[in-house]
Protein backbone atom coordinates (compact mmCIF):
# COMPACT_ATOMS: atom_id res chain seq x y z
CA MET A 1 -0.31 0.48 0.16
CA SER A 2 1.44 3.60 -1.28
CA ASN A 3 1.09 6.98 0.84
CA VAL A 4 1.41 8.83 -2.32
CA VAL A 5 -1.97 10.65 -3.90
CA ASP A 6 -1.39 11.39 -7.21
CA PHE A 7 -2.86 14.74 -8.46
CA PRO A 8 -3.69 15.44 -12.06
CA THR A 9 -1.44 17.53 -13.80
CA GLY A 10 -1.80 19.45 -17.37
CA LEU A 11 -5.62 20.54 -16.19
CA LYS A 12 -7.27 23.40 -18.14
CA TYR A 13 -9.77 25.97 -17.34
CA LYS A 14 -12.08 28.31 -19.20
CA VAL A 15 -12.54 31.54 -18.13
CA LEU A 16 -15.10 34.09 -18.92
CA PHE A 17 -14.45 37.74 -18.14
CA ASN A 18 -15.86 41.28 -18.27
CA LEU A 19 -13.59 44.14 -19.08
CA PRO A 20 -14.77 47.76 -18.26
CA THR A 21 -16.11 49.99 -20.71
CA GLY A 22 -15.62 53.47 -21.25
CA LYS A 23 -11.88 53.09 -19.63
CA VAL A 24 -8.65 52.18 -20.76
CA LEU A 25 -7.51 48.59 -20.96
CA ASN A 26 -4.84 47.09 -18.57
CA ILE A 27 -2.89 44.49 -20.06
CA ASN A 28 0.33 42.80 -17.83
CA LYS A 29 0.58 39.77 -19.85
CA GLY A 30 4.52 38.83 -19.54
CA PRO A 31 5.84 35.38 -21.28
CA ASP A 32 5.07 33.05 -18.48
CA ASP A 33 1.25 34.00 -19.20
CA ASP A 34 1.23 31.32 -21.78
CA PHE A 35 -2.65 31.30 -22.71
CA ASP A 36 -5.07 32.16 -25.35
CA VAL A 37 -7.17 35.04 -24.85
CA THR A 38 -10.44 36.33 -27.30
CA ILE A 39 -11.82 39.65 -26.16
CA SER A 40 -15.06 40.82 -28.29
CA GLY A 41 -17.28 43.62 -27.52
CA GLY A 42 -16.12 43.87 -23.49
CA HIS A 43 -16.10 40.90 -22.78
CA GLY A 44 -12.71 37.76 -22.98
CA GLU A 45 -12.91 33.72 -23.15
CA ALA A 46 -9.65 32.13 -22.39
CA VAL A 47 -8.46 28.82 -21.65
CA VAL A 48 -5.76 28.57 -19.04
CA PRO A 49 -3.36 26.19 -17.79
CA ALA A 50 -3.90 25.70 -14.15
CA SER A 51 -3.95 23.74 -11.04
CA GLY A 52 -7.60 24.76 -9.89
CA LYS A 53 -10.40 27.31 -10.61
CA THR A 54 -8.48 29.97 -7.81
CA GLY A 55 -5.05 30.25 -10.11
CA ALA A 56 -6.69 30.06 -13.72
CA SER A 57 -8.63 33.11 -12.24
CA ASN A 58 -5.74 35.08 -10.24
CA LYS A 59 -3.89 34.30 -13.80
CA ILE A 60 -6.52 36.04 -15.77
CA GLN A 61 -6.67 38.90 -12.68
CA LYS A 62 -3.38 39.15 -13.30
CA VAL A 63 -2.98 40.28 -17.21
CA PHE A 64 -6.41 42.09 -16.55
CA PRO A 65 -6.23 43.58 -13.31
CA THR A 66 -9.70 45.54 -13.63
CA CYS A 67 -11.52 42.64 -15.10
CA GLU A 68 -14.46 41.09 -13.46
CA ILE A 69 -14.56 37.65 -13.64
CA VAL A 70 -17.66 35.81 -14.54
CA GLU A 71 -17.40 32.04 -14.77
CA VAL A 72 -14.43 29.42 -14.67
CA GLU A 73 -14.87 25.71 -15.60
CA PRO A 74 -12.82 23.42 -16.05
CA ILE A 75 -12.41 21.51 -19.58
CA HIS A 76 -12.38 17.77 -20.04
């Protein structure tokens, strides 16, 4: 019997978010922020590799600090 817990790796989450209207958009994306983002009409969608929903949400908030997170769903 083993006491090792095997956590899944390589998880991805779809994050939906809203961007503020009528303001200058601040983007802080760096080389370590390796995910695709689609922005249309003040709404954004990103597929983010993370270890959990909170981590995925935090990555989006880091890149778009003024955004509002709407939903975070795991991609199976």
